[in-house]
């Protein structure tokens, strides 16, 4: 749980909370932040005591995208971490959830700006909560750029294509209410309440059988682009083994005994 200068890590029970921590730049992505994010995803995958992840931002913003000064060649914070990127040239895409999907559920808690690369990272999360004044959008085309974090592929699979194309081609901002209306986010809460709501959802997930939770998440993504027949076959392959686990037996015993289950990931 080391974190970096631009990414803080803490535990909240069985939830790992990753906080983008560069508030003076609206949490624009830096190398330090990307390395911290990647390390956070890997930590969550490796630690069976972690059952969910919450991703949020410090200082009233989520993420304003890539550091454009760095893109223009004016340097990037965290140069001492450059060797990490050399060792794994795909690290930044894994950090942004383009080339990595954590096996634990990821809940985004958004306040303020969540634009450009911020909206691209958002599409790699599973459940999304936003404060009422949050702003979303893919501004790349307005700057002559391409949203290469995965948005031309993912967005049309997550919201209706007409809305995806409007967001991609106009580069305009969207309010939290509008983003919820098109299905980009699931909850809109009063400003300042996104993290609390995300942690509340995380606690509900944490109370469930961890093996079942991970299998359900994996099945949803595995079957998303399959035919119904192939998807149902894949679901059986993924789901049947769960019934043989100690988690399943504990869940049944707890139900019969009218008590809360005590899952131990066996």
C-alpha atoms as a PDB file:
ATOM      1  CA  UNK A   1       0.000   0.000   0.000  1.00  0.00           C
ATOM      2  CA  UNK A   2       2.796   2.387  -0.846  1.00  0.00           C
ATOM      3  CA  UNK A   3       1.182   4.684  -3.419  1.00  0.00           C
ATOM      4  CA  UNK A   4       3.102   7.492  -5.113  1.00  0.00           C
ATOM      5  CA  UNK A   5       3.287  11.255  -4.873  1.00  0.00           C
ATOM      6  CA  UNK A   6       0.172  11.556  -7.053  1.00  0.00           C
ATOM      7  CA  UNK A   7      -1.746   8.423  -6.000  1.00  0.00           C
ATOM      8  CA  UNK A   8      -2.701   7.659  -2.416  1.00  0.00           C
ATOM      9  CA  UNK A   9      -3.768   4.216  -1.234  1.00  0.00           C
ATOM     10  CA  UNK A  10      -5.692   3.286   1.890  1.00  0.00           C
ATOM     11  CA  UNK A  11      -7.829   0.451   3.191  1.00  0.00           C
ATOM     12  CA  UNK A  12     -11.418   0.941   4.281  1.00  0.00           C
ATOM     13  CA  UNK A  13     -12.293  -2.460   5.676  1.00  0.00           C
ATOM     14  CA  UNK A  14     -12.186  -4.890   2.746  1.00  0.00           C
ATOM     15  CA  UNK A  15     -12.152  -2.023   0.224  1.00  0.00           C
ATOM     16  CA  UNK A  16      -8.992  -0.583  -1.328  1.00  0.00           C
ATOM     17  CA  UNK A  17      -9.430   3.158  -1.932  1.00  0.00           C
ATOM     18  CA  UNK A  18      -7.241   4.651  -4.668  1.00  0.00           C
ATOM     19  CA  UNK A  19      -7.206   8.453  -4.756  1.00  0.00           C
ATOM     20  CA  UNK A  20      -5.864  10.462  -7.684  1.00  0.00           C
ATOM     21  CA  UNK A  21      -3.936  13.104  -5.776  1.00  0.00           C
ATOM     22  CA  UNK A  22      -2.843  16.035  -7.885  1.00  0.00           C
ATOM     23  CA  UNK A  23      -5.553  18.570  -7.026  1.00  0.00           C
ATOM     24  CA  UNK A  24      -3.609  21.608  -8.254  1.00  0.00           C
ATOM     25  CA  UNK A  25      -3.932  20.161 -11.786  1.00  0.00           C
ATOM     26  CA  UNK A  26      -7.455  18.728 -11.337  1.00  0.00           C
ATOM     27  CA  UNK A  27      -5.762  15.343 -11.046  1.00  0.00           C
ATOM     28  CA  UNK A  28      -4.430  15.390 -14.600  1.00  0.00           C
ATOM     29  CA  UNK A  29      -2.582  12.156 -15.322  1.00  0.00           C
ATOM     30  CA  UNK A  30       1.120  12.099 -14.516  1.00  0.00           C
ATOM     31  CA  UNK A  31       3.616   9.275 -14.712  1.00  0.00           C
ATOM     32  CA  UNK A  32       3.593   9.084 -10.923  1.00  0.00           C
ATOM     33  CA  UNK A  33      -0.182   8.734 -10.949  1.00  0.00           C
ATOM     34  CA  UNK A  34      -0.152   6.064 -13.657  1.00  0.00           C
ATOM     35  CA  UNK A  35       2.451   3.960 -11.841  1.00  0.00           C
ATOM     36  CA  UNK A  36       0.461   4.267  -8.613  1.00  0.00           C
ATOM     37  CA  UNK A  37      -2.758   3.238 -10.344  1.00  0.00           C
ATOM     38  CA  UNK A  38      -1.166   0.204 -11.937  1.00  0.00           C
ATOM     39  CA  UNK A  39       0.364  -0.873  -8.634  1.00  0.00           C
ATOM     40  CA  UNK A  40      -3.032  -0.419  -6.960  1.00  0.00           C
ATOM     41  CA  UNK A  41      -4.818  -2.691  -9.445  1.00  0.00           C
ATOM     42  CA  UNK A  42      -2.130  -5.337  -9.006  1.00  0.00           C
ATOM     43  CA  UNK A  43      -2.298  -5.107  -5.210  1.00  0.00           C
ATOM     44  CA  UNK A  44      -6.064  -5.584  -5.281  1.00  0.00           C
ATOM     45  CA  UNK A  45      -5.765  -8.593  -7.586  1.00  0.00           C
ATOM     46  CA  UNK A  46      -3.133 -10.222  -5.369  1.00  0.00           C
ATOM     47  CA  UNK A  47      -4.723  -9.679  -1.943  1.00  0.00           C
ATOM     48  CA  UNK A  48      -7.687 -11.942  -1.189  1.00  0.00           C
ATOM     49  CA  UNK A  49      -8.625  -9.763   1.770  1.00  0.00           C
ATOM     50  CA  UNK A  50      -9.473  -6.957  -0.666  1.00  0.00           C
ATOM     51  CA  UNK A  51     -12.969  -7.526  -2.035  1.00  0.00           C
ATOM     52  CA  UNK A  52     -13.669  -4.247  -3.819  1.00  0.00           C
ATOM     53  CA  UNK A  53     -11.898  -1.116  -5.073  1.00  0.00           C
ATOM     54  CA  UNK A  54     -13.023   2.499  -4.985  1.00  0.00           C
ATOM     55  CA  UNK A  55     -11.372   4.980  -7.357  1.00  0.00           C
ATOM     56  CA  UNK A  56     -11.761   8.663  -6.561  1.00  0.00           C
ATOM     57  CA  UNK A  57      -9.965  12.003  -6.815  1.00  0.00           C
ATOM     58  CA  UNK A  58      -8.690  14.567  -4.323  1.00  0.00           C
ATOM     59  CA  UNK A  59      -9.561  18.242  -4.100  1.00  0.00           C
ATOM     60  CA  UNK A  60     -13.054  18.120  -5.608  1.00  0.00           C
ATOM     61  CA  UNK A  61     -12.045  16.705  -8.996  1.00  0.00           C
ATOM     62  CA  UNK A  62     -11.804  13.216 -10.446  1.00  0.00           C
ATOM     63  CA  UNK A  63      -9.437  13.523 -13.414  1.00  0.00           C
ATOM     64  CA  UNK A  64      -8.970  16.164 -16.111  1.00  0.00           C
ATOM     65  CA  UNK A  65      -7.190  13.778 -18.485  1.00  0.00           C
ATOM     66  CA  UNK A  66      -3.611  13.674 -19.677  1.00  0.00           C
ATOM     67  CA  UNK A  67      -1.132  16.355 -18.698  1.00  0.00           C
ATOM     68  CA  UNK A  68      -1.033  18.300 -21.980  1.00  0.00           C
ATOM     69  CA  UNK A  69       2.161  20.111 -20.990  1.00  0.00           C
ATOM     70  CA  UNK A  70       3.843  16.745 -20.798  1.00  0.00           C
ATOM     71  CA  UNK A  71       2.336  15.761 -24.129  1.00  0.00           C
ATOM     72  CA  UNK A  72       3.880  18.896 -25.611  1.00  0.00           C
ATOM     73  CA  UNK A  73       7.297  17.764 -24.380  1.00  0.00           C
ATOM     74  CA  UNK A  74       7.627  19.989 -21.315  1.00  0.00           C
ATOM     75  CA  UNK A  75       8.275  17.165 -18.870  1.00  0.00           C
ATOM     76  CA  UNK A  76       6.084  15.091 -16.635  1.00  0.00           C
ATOM     77  CA  UNK A  77       6.010  14.731 -12.868  1.00  0.00           C
ATOM     78  CA  UNK A  78       7.529  11.487 -11.645  1.00  0.00           C
ATOM     79  CA  UNK A  79      10.486  11.299 -14.010  1.00  0.00           C
ATOM     80  CA  UNK A  80      12.227   9.092 -11.436  1.00  0.00           C
ATOM     81  CA  UNK A  81       9.669   6.420 -12.326  1.00  0.00           C
ATOM     82  CA  UNK A  82      10.554   6.456 -16.021  1.00  0.00           C
ATOM     83  CA  UNK A  83      12.341   3.102 -15.648  1.00  0.00           C
ATOM     84  CA  UNK A  84       9.028   1.481 -14.743  1.00  0.00           C
ATOM     85  CA  UNK A  85       7.582   2.573 -18.072  1.00  0.00           C
ATOM     86  CA  UNK A  86      10.653   1.368 -19.935  1.00  0.00           C
ATOM     87  CA  UNK A  87      10.373  -2.022 -18.247  1.00  0.00           C
ATOM     88  CA  UNK A  88       6.675  -2.282 -19.151  1.00  0.00           C
ATOM     89  CA  UNK A  89       5.755  -0.068 -22.137  1.00  0.00           C
ATOM     90  CA  UNK A  90       2.107  -1.103 -21.656  1.00  0.00           C
ATOM     91  CA  UNK A  91       1.987   0.117 -18.043  1.00  0.00           C
ATOM     92  CA  UNK A  92       0.088   3.333 -18.778  1.00  0.00           C
ATOM     93  CA  UNK A  93      -2.663   1.457 -20.645  1.00  0.00           C
ATOM     94  CA  UNK A  94      -2.975  -1.026 -17.798  1.00  0.00           C
ATOM     95  CA  UNK A  95      -3.158   1.842 -15.318  1.00  0.00           C
ATOM     96  CA  UNK A  96      -5.983   3.446 -17.308  1.00  0.00           C
ATOM     97  CA  UNK A  97      -7.874   0.118 -17.393  1.00  0.00           C
ATOM     98  CA  UNK A  98      -7.494  -0.129 -21.161  1.00  0.00           C
ATOM     99  CA  UNK A  99      -5.365  -3.286 -21.073  1.00  0.00           C
ATOM    100  CA  UNK A 100      -6.151  -4.560 -17.584  1.00  0.00           C
ATOM    101  CA  UNK A 101      -9.384  -5.508 -15.818  1.00  0.00           C
ATOM    102  CA  UNK A 102      -9.128  -6.052 -12.057  1.00  0.00           C
ATOM    103  CA  UNK A 103     -10.901  -9.194 -10.888  1.00  0.00           C
ATOM    104  CA  UNK A 104     -12.464  -7.247  -7.980  1.00  0.00           C
ATOM    105  CA  UNK A 105     -15.345  -4.795  -8.624  1.00  0.00           C
ATOM    106  CA  UNK A 106     -14.193  -1.215  -9.224  1.00  0.00           C
ATOM    107  CA  UNK A 107     -16.471   1.630  -8.130  1.00  0.00           C
ATOM    108  CA  UNK A 108     -15.803   5.169  -9.341  1.00  0.00           C
ATOM    109  CA  UNK A 109     -16.601   8.053  -6.978  1.00  0.00           C
ATOM    110  CA  UNK A 110     -16.607  11.199  -9.104  1.00  0.00           C
ATOM    111  CA  UNK A 111     -16.645  14.823  -8.024  1.00  0.00           C
ATOM    112  CA  UNK A 112     -15.912  17.783 -10.295  1.00  0.00           C
ATOM    113  CA  UNK A 113     -14.065  17.267 -13.572  1.00  0.00           C
ATOM    114  CA  UNK A 114     -14.059  13.782 -15.092  1.00  0.00           C
ATOM    115  CA  UNK A 115     -13.134  14.619 -18.668  1.00  0.00           C
ATOM    116  CA  UNK A 116     -10.941  13.392 -21.535  1.00  0.00           C
ATOM    117  CA  UNK A 117      -8.701  10.687 -20.003  1.00  0.00           C
ATOM    118  CA  UNK A 118     -10.843  10.835 -16.866  1.00  0.00           C
ATOM    119  CA  UNK A 119     -13.931   9.751 -18.822  1.00  0.00           C
ATOM    120  CA  UNK A 120     -11.801   7.097 -20.524  1.00  0.00           C
ATOM    121  CA  UNK A 121     -10.679   5.602 -17.199  1.00  0.00           C
ATOM    122  CA  UNK A 122     -14.286   5.786 -16.027  1.00  0.00           C
ATOM    123  CA  UNK A 123     -15.296   3.383 -18.797  1.00  0.00           C
ATOM    124  CA  UNK A 124     -12.999   0.753 -17.285  1.00  0.00           C
ATOM    125  CA  UNK A 125     -14.828   0.874 -13.935  1.00  0.00           C
ATOM    126  CA  UNK A 126     -17.822  -1.287 -13.056  1.00  0.00           C
ATOM    127  CA  UNK A 127     -20.111   0.929 -10.960  1.00  0.00           C
ATOM    128  CA  UNK A 128     -20.151   4.734 -11.078  1.00  0.00           C
ATOM    129  CA  UNK A 129     -21.307   7.396  -8.631  1.00  0.00           C
ATOM    130  CA  UNK A 130     -21.106  11.151  -9.236  1.00  0.00           C
ATOM    131  CA  UNK A 131     -21.675  14.334  -7.305  1.00  0.00           C
ATOM    132  CA  UNK A 132     -24.351  16.589  -8.743  1.00  0.00           C
ATOM    133  CA  UNK A 133     -21.864  19.156 -10.115  1.00  0.00           C
ATOM    134  CA  UNK A 134     -19.574  16.610 -11.767  1.00  0.00           C
ATOM    135  CA  UNK A 135     -18.700  17.192 -15.428  1.00  0.00           C
ATOM    136  CA  UNK A 136     -18.009  14.500 -18.023  1.00  0.00           C
ATOM    137  CA  UNK A 137     -16.862  14.590 -21.623  1.00  0.00           C
ATOM    138  CA  UNK A 138     -14.385  13.469 -24.233  1.00  0.00           C
ATOM    139  CA  UNK A 139     -12.781  16.750 -25.325  1.00  0.00           C
ATOM    140  CA  UNK A 140     -10.080  15.261 -27.563  1.00  0.00           C
ATOM    141  CA  UNK A 141     -11.570  16.224 -30.937  1.00  0.00           C
ATOM    142  CA  UNK A 142     -11.743  19.866 -29.847  1.00  0.00           C
ATOM    143  CA  UNK A 143      -7.959  19.755 -29.450  1.00  0.00           C
ATOM    144  CA  UNK A 144      -7.315  17.875 -32.665  1.00  0.00           C
ATOM    145  CA  UNK A 145      -6.638  14.678 -30.726  1.00  0.00           C
ATOM    146  CA  UNK A 146      -8.034  11.140 -30.650  1.00  0.00           C
ATOM    147  CA  UNK A 147      -9.517   9.526 -27.487  1.00  0.00           C
ATOM    148  CA  UNK A 148      -7.148   6.585 -27.678  1.00  0.00           C
ATOM    149  CA  UNK A 149      -7.864   5.304 -24.175  1.00  0.00           C
ATOM    150  CA  UNK A 150     -10.539   3.013 -25.571  1.00  0.00           C
ATOM    151  CA  UNK A 151     -13.561   5.281 -25.912  1.00  0.00           C
ATOM    152  CA  UNK A 152     -14.312   4.694 -29.613  1.00  0.00           C
ATOM    153  CA  UNK A 153     -14.628   0.990 -28.773  1.00  0.00           C
ATOM    154  CA  UNK A 154     -16.102   0.929 -25.272  1.00  0.00           C
ATOM    155  CA  UNK A 155     -18.464   3.869 -25.147  1.00  0.00           C
ATOM    156  CA  UNK A 156     -20.852   2.550 -27.812  1.00  0.00           C
ATOM    157  CA  UNK A 157     -21.030  -0.732 -25.867  1.00  0.00           C
ATOM    158  CA  UNK A 158     -21.929   1.033 -22.632  1.00  0.00           C
ATOM    159  CA  UNK A 159     -24.425   3.659 -23.799  1.00  0.00           C
ATOM    160  CA  UNK A 160     -26.613   3.956 -26.945  1.00  0.00           C
ATOM    161  CA  UNK A 161     -24.506   4.593 -30.049  1.00  0.00           C
ATOM    162  CA  UNK A 162     -26.238   7.890 -30.853  1.00  0.00           C
ATOM    163  CA  UNK A 163     -25.178   9.257 -27.454  1.00  0.00           C
ATOM    164  CA  UNK A 164     -21.702   7.766 -27.765  1.00  0.00           C
ATOM    165  CA  UNK A 165     -21.138   9.404 -31.135  1.00  0.00           C
ATOM    166  CA  UNK A 166     -22.473  12.750 -29.931  1.00  0.00           C
ATOM    167  CA  UNK A 167     -20.104  12.698 -26.965  1.00  0.00           C
ATOM    168  CA  UNK A 168     -17.148  11.625 -29.115  1.00  0.00           C
ATOM    169  CA  UNK A 169     -17.762  13.952 -32.070  1.00  0.00           C
ATOM    170  CA  UNK A 170     -18.848  17.169 -30.341  1.00  0.00           C
ATOM    171  CA  UNK A 171     -16.355  17.123 -27.474  1.00  0.00           C
ATOM    172  CA  UNK A 172     -18.897  18.965 -25.349  1.00  0.00           C
ATOM    173  CA  UNK A 173     -19.278  18.704 -21.564  1.00  0.00           C
ATOM    174  CA  UNK A 174     -22.044  16.658 -19.956  1.00  0.00           C
ATOM    175  CA  UNK A 175     -23.547  17.292 -16.530  1.00  0.00           C
ATOM    176  CA  UNK A 176     -23.883  14.464 -14.034  1.00  0.00           C
ATOM    177  CA  UNK A 177     -27.646  14.368 -14.582  1.00  0.00           C
ATOM    178  CA  UNK A 178     -27.208  14.131 -18.349  1.00  0.00           C
ATOM    179  CA  UNK A 179     -24.523  11.460 -17.958  1.00  0.00           C
ATOM    180  CA  UNK A 180     -26.889   9.457 -15.763  1.00  0.00           C
ATOM    181  CA  UNK A 181     -29.688   9.951 -18.273  1.00  0.00           C
ATOM    182  CA  UNK A 182     -27.682   8.293 -21.056  1.00  0.00           C
ATOM    183  CA  UNK A 183     -26.449   5.515 -18.774  1.00  0.00           C
ATOM    184  CA  UNK A 184     -22.802   6.542 -18.359  1.00  0.00           C
ATOM    185  CA  UNK A 185     -23.125   6.689 -14.565  1.00  0.00           C
ATOM    186  CA  UNK A 186     -25.490   4.946 -12.186  1.00  0.00           C
ATOM    187  CA  UNK A 187     -25.956   7.306  -9.212  1.00  0.00           C
ATOM    188  CA  UNK A 188     -26.055  11.080  -8.791  1.00  0.00           C
ATOM    189  CA  UNK A 189     -25.686  12.275  -5.200  1.00  0.00           C
ATOM    190  CA  UNK A 190     -25.296  15.696  -3.553  1.00  0.00           C
ATOM    191  CA  UNK A 191     -21.871  17.255  -4.090  1.00  0.00           C
ATOM    192  CA  UNK A 192     -19.295  15.819  -1.721  1.00  0.00           C
ATOM    193  CA  UNK A 193     -21.242  12.598  -1.253  1.00  0.00           C
ATOM    194  CA  UNK A 194     -19.849  10.440  -4.053  1.00  0.00           C
ATOM    195  CA  UNK A 195     -17.174   8.716  -1.988  1.00  0.00           C
ATOM    196  CA  UNK A 196     -19.571   7.874   0.852  1.00  0.00           C
ATOM    197  CA  UNK A 197     -22.069   6.389  -1.611  1.00  0.00           C
ATOM    198  CA  UNK A 198     -19.324   4.414  -3.373  1.00  0.00           C
ATOM    199  CA  UNK A 199     -18.126   3.013  -0.030  1.00  0.00           C
ATOM    200  CA  UNK A 200     -21.711   2.115   0.855  1.00  0.00           C
ATOM    201  CA  UNK A 201     -22.011   0.111  -2.375  1.00  0.00           C
ATOM    202  CA  UNK A 202     -18.609  -1.449  -1.730  1.00  0.00           C
ATOM    203  CA  UNK A 203     -19.748  -2.612   1.702  1.00  0.00           C
ATOM    204  CA  UNK A 204     -22.773  -4.294   0.150  1.00  0.00           C
ATOM    205  CA  UNK A 205     -20.458  -6.093  -2.282  1.00  0.00           C
ATOM    206  CA  UNK A 206     -18.009  -6.999   0.490  1.00  0.00           C
ATOM    207  CA  UNK A 207     -20.800  -8.730   2.403  1.00  0.00           C
ATOM    208  CA  UNK A 208     -21.340 -11.156  -0.486  1.00  0.00           C
ATOM    209  CA  UNK A 209     -19.398 -14.301  -1.325  1.00  0.00           C
ATOM    210  CA  UNK A 210     -16.102 -13.088  -2.831  1.00  0.00           C
ATOM    211  CA  UNK A 211     -15.716 -16.037  -5.205  1.00  0.00           C
ATOM    212  CA  UNK A 212     -19.264 -15.553  -6.459  1.00  0.00           C
ATOM    213  CA  UNK A 213     -18.720 -11.815  -6.909  1.00  0.00           C
ATOM    214  CA  UNK A 214     -15.557 -12.332  -8.942  1.00  0.00           C
ATOM    215  CA  UNK A 215     -17.158 -15.052 -11.062  1.00  0.00           C
ATOM    216  CA  UNK A 216     -20.218 -12.903 -11.784  1.00  0.00           C
ATOM    217  CA  UNK A 217     -18.065  -9.944 -12.834  1.00  0.00           C
ATOM    218  CA  UNK A 218     -15.914 -12.162 -15.063  1.00  0.00           C
ATOM    219  CA  UNK A 219     -18.978 -13.736 -16.666  1.00  0.00           C
ATOM    220  CA  UNK A 220     -20.561 -10.378 -17.487  1.00  0.00           C
ATOM    221  CA  UNK A 221     -17.469  -9.216 -19.372  1.00  0.00           C
ATOM    222  CA  UNK A 222     -16.679 -12.583 -20.964  1.00  0.00           C
ATOM    223  CA  UNK A 223     -20.149 -12.946 -22.447  1.00  0.00           C
ATOM    224  CA  UNK A 224     -20.756  -9.337 -23.489  1.00  0.00           C
ATOM    225  CA  UNK A 225     -19.943  -9.852 -27.160  1.00  0.00           C
ATOM    226  CA  UNK A 226     -21.037 -13.509 -27.496  1.00  0.00           C
ATOM    227  CA  UNK A 227     -24.233 -14.792 -29.023  1.00  0.00           C
ATOM    228  CA  UNK A 228     -26.898 -15.680 -26.476  1.00  0.00           C
ATOM    229  CA  UNK A 229     -26.266 -19.410 -26.925  1.00  0.00           C
ATOM    230  CA  UNK A 230     -22.490 -19.061 -26.566  1.00  0.00           C
ATOM    231  CA  UNK A 231     -22.925 -16.688 -23.646  1.00  0.00           C
ATOM    232  CA  UNK A 232     -25.197 -19.077 -21.768  1.00  0.00           C
ATOM    233  CA  UNK A 233     -22.704 -21.900 -22.304  1.00  0.00           C
ATOM    234  CA  UNK A 234     -19.872 -19.721 -21.021  1.00  0.00           C
ATOM    235  CA  UNK A 235     -21.974 -18.688 -18.022  1.00  0.00           C
ATOM    236  CA  UNK A 236     -22.483 -22.329 -17.008  1.00  0.00           C
ATOM    237  CA  UNK A 237     -18.765 -23.008 -17.318  1.00  0.00           C
ATOM    238  CA  UNK A 238     -17.970 -20.021 -15.118  1.00  0.00           C
ATOM    239  CA  UNK A 239     -20.855 -20.377 -12.669  1.00  0.00           C
ATOM    240  CA  UNK A 240     -21.203 -24.090 -11.860  1.00  0.00           C
ATOM    241  CA  UNK A 241     -17.865 -24.386  -9.999  1.00  0.00           C
ATOM    242  CA  UNK A 242     -19.010 -21.679  -7.570  1.00  0.00           C
ATOM    243  CA  UNK A 243     -21.675 -24.035  -6.196  1.00  0.00           C
ATOM    244  CA  UNK A 244     -18.911 -26.408  -5.037  1.00  0.00           C
ATOM    245  CA  UNK A 245     -17.018 -23.847  -2.967  1.00  0.00           C
ATOM    246  CA  UNK A 246     -16.887 -23.421   0.792  1.00  0.00           C
ATOM    247  CA  UNK A 247     -18.307 -19.943   0.171  1.00  0.00           C
ATOM    248  CA  UNK A 248     -21.487 -21.471  -1.256  1.00  0.00           C
ATOM    249  CA  UNK A 249     -21.796 -23.930   1.638  1.00  0.00           C
ATOM    250  CA  UNK A 250     -21.290 -21.122   4.164  1.00  0.00           C
ATOM    251  CA  UNK A 251     -23.926 -19.013   2.408  1.00  0.00           C
ATOM    252  CA  UNK A 252     -26.438 -21.866   2.615  1.00  0.00           C
ATOM    253  CA  UNK A 253     -25.660 -22.562   6.284  1.00  0.00           C
ATOM    254  CA  UNK A 254     -25.961 -18.893   7.187  1.00  0.00           C
ATOM    255  CA  UNK A 255     -29.333 -18.655   5.435  1.00  0.00           C
ATOM    256  CA  UNK A 256     -30.633 -21.749   7.248  1.00  0.00           C
ATOM    257  CA  UNK A 257     -29.351 -20.476  10.588  1.00  0.00           C
ATOM    258  CA  UNK A 258     -30.672 -16.950   9.972  1.00  0.00           C
ATOM    259  CA  UNK A 259     -27.277 -15.295  10.490  1.00  0.00           C
ATOM    260  CA  UNK A 260     -24.810 -13.271   8.462  1.00  0.00           C
ATOM    261  CA  UNK A 261     -22.363 -15.439   6.476  1.00  0.00           C
ATOM    262  CA  UNK A 262     -18.656 -15.448   7.302  1.00  0.00           C
ATOM    263  CA  UNK A 263     -16.872 -15.892   4.005  1.00  0.00           C
ATOM    264  CA  UNK A 264     -13.238 -17.003   4.054  1.00  0.00           C
ATOM    265  CA  UNK A 265     -12.548 -17.303   0.321  1.00  0.00           C
ATOM    266  CA  UNK A 266     -12.173 -21.095   0.211  1.00  0.00           C
END
